[in-house]
Protein backbone atom coordinates (compact mmCIF):
# COMPACT_ATOMS: atom_id res chain seq x y z
CA MET A 1 35.89 56.80 77.19
CA GLU A 2 38.93 55.80 74.96
CA PRO A 3 38.61 55.68 70.70
CA THR A 4 40.77 52.71 71.61
CA THR A 5 39.02 51.25 74.19
CA LEU A 6 35.65 51.60 72.03
CA ILE A 7 37.38 50.21 69.98
CA ALA A 8 38.26 47.01 71.40
CA SER A 9 35.67 46.95 73.22
CA LEU A 10 33.62 46.46 69.77
CA THR A 11 36.17 44.76 68.45
CA LEU A 12 34.97 42.03 71.65
CA PHE A 13 31.71 42.78 71.46
CA ALA A 14 31.52 41.34 67.81
CA LEU A 15 33.73 38.77 68.15
CA ALA A 16 31.58 37.27 71.05
CA ILE A 17 28.72 37.76 68.82
CA PHE A 18 30.48 35.26 65.97
CA LEU A 19 31.41 32.80 68.60
CA GLY A 20 28.00 33.22 69.36
CA PHE A 21 26.41 32.70 66.94
CA GLU A 22 28.73 29.26 65.74
CA LEU A 23 28.68 27.63 69.30
CA ILE A 24 24.32 27.35 68.71
CA THR A 25 24.72 26.49 65.55
CA LYS A 26 26.70 23.65 65.43
CA VAL A 27 23.80 22.41 68.40
CA PRO A 28 22.38 19.33 68.10
CA PRO A 29 18.68 19.91 68.85
CA THR A 30 18.80 17.13 71.97
CA LEU A 31 21.49 19.56 73.80
CA HIS A 32 18.70 22.73 73.52
CA THR A 33 16.95 22.06 77.11
CA PRO A 34 20.34 21.23 78.86
CA LEU A 35 21.95 24.86 77.26
CA MET A 36 19.26 26.56 77.86
CA SER A 37 19.48 25.59 81.67
CA GLY A 38 23.03 26.76 81.48
CA ALA A 39 21.91 30.36 79.88
CA ASN A 40 19.71 31.19 82.40
CA ALA A 41 22.21 30.40 85.16
CA ILE A 42 23.80 32.97 82.97
CA SER A 43 20.99 35.58 82.82
CA GLY A 44 20.71 35.00 86.48
CA ILE A 45 24.67 36.53 86.36
CA SER A 46 23.44 39.58 83.98
CA ILE A 47 20.68 40.88 86.44
CA VAL A 48 22.83 40.93 89.31
CA GLY A 49 25.08 42.59 87.00
CA ALA A 50 22.18 44.83 85.75
CA ILE A 51 20.65 45.89 88.90
CA ILE A 52 24.65 47.01 90.45
CA GLY A 53 25.23 48.74 87.21
CA ALA A 54 21.56 50.47 87.92
CA ASN A 55 22.32 50.87 91.35
CA VAL A 56 25.95 52.84 91.08
CA LEU A 57 24.38 54.86 88.77
CA TYR A 58 21.34 56.04 91.39
CA GLU A 59 23.53 56.42 93.70
CA ALA A 60 25.80 58.27 92.26
CA GLY A 61 22.55 60.61 91.40
CA GLN A 62 23.17 60.76 87.89
CA THR A 63 20.77 60.41 85.28
CA GLN A 64 23.06 58.99 82.08
CA ILE A 65 22.69 56.67 78.82
CA SER A 66 24.20 53.35 80.49
CA GLY A 67 21.20 54.10 83.74
CA VAL A 68 18.53 52.97 81.04
CA ILE A 69 20.86 50.74 79.66
CA ALA A 70 20.94 49.16 82.38
CA PHE A 71 17.44 49.44 83.15
CA LEU A 72 16.61 47.65 79.80
CA ALA A 73 19.12 44.74 80.76
CA LEU A 74 17.85 44.00 83.88
CA ILE A 75 13.78 43.85 81.96
CA LEU A 76 15.45 42.11 79.22
CA ALA A 77 17.69 39.18 81.20
CA THR A 78 14.74 38.99 83.59
CA VAL A 79 12.16 38.00 80.35
CA ASN A 80 15.09 35.31 78.72
CA VAL A 81 15.44 33.53 82.50
CA VAL A 82 11.36 33.53 83.25
CA GLY A 83 11.51 31.96 79.14
CA GLY A 84 13.48 30.02 79.57
CA PHE A 85 12.65 28.18 82.73
CA ALA A 86 8.97 27.59 82.09
CA VAL A 87 10.33 26.17 79.10
CA THR A 88 12.47 23.71 80.44
CA ASN A 89 10.22 22.86 82.74
CA ARG A 90 7.55 22.28 80.09
CA MET A 91 10.35 20.15 78.11
CA LEU A 92 11.19 18.07 80.86
CA GLN A 93 6.70 17.70 82.55
CA MET A 94 6.48 16.53 78.52
CA ILE A 95 9.30 13.86 78.83
CA ALA A 96 7.81 13.68 82.01
CA GLY A 97 4.77 11.92 80.91
CA LYS A 98 6.06 9.76 78.75
CA LYS A 99 7.72 7.97 81.87
CA LYS A 100 4.79 7.38 83.67
CA GLY A 101 3.08 6.56 80.70
CA ARG A 102 5.24 3.97 79.75
CA GLY A 103 3.96 2.12 83.25
CA ASP A 104 7.91 2.65 84.97
């Protein structure tokens, strides 16, 4: 990888971290559940990308650090999706339970 490409990639990564932190800290608590559902969809896309990345290395017969990173990305994105859906489902059950208790 060329040094200019590496510097550009690291700059983009740092800006993404800063932007993500700023966006998340500005979200009111009432919007966290809908945003969590959106984040689950993005993590689903990350899972597909990690599978494709790992498959390319497998077909090429290479065992590089990028294969390990693709596998790690697959594991972390899967944990994020499963945990996010579990929390979202629990919150929706709590809301539905309140509605049933009112006699609606």
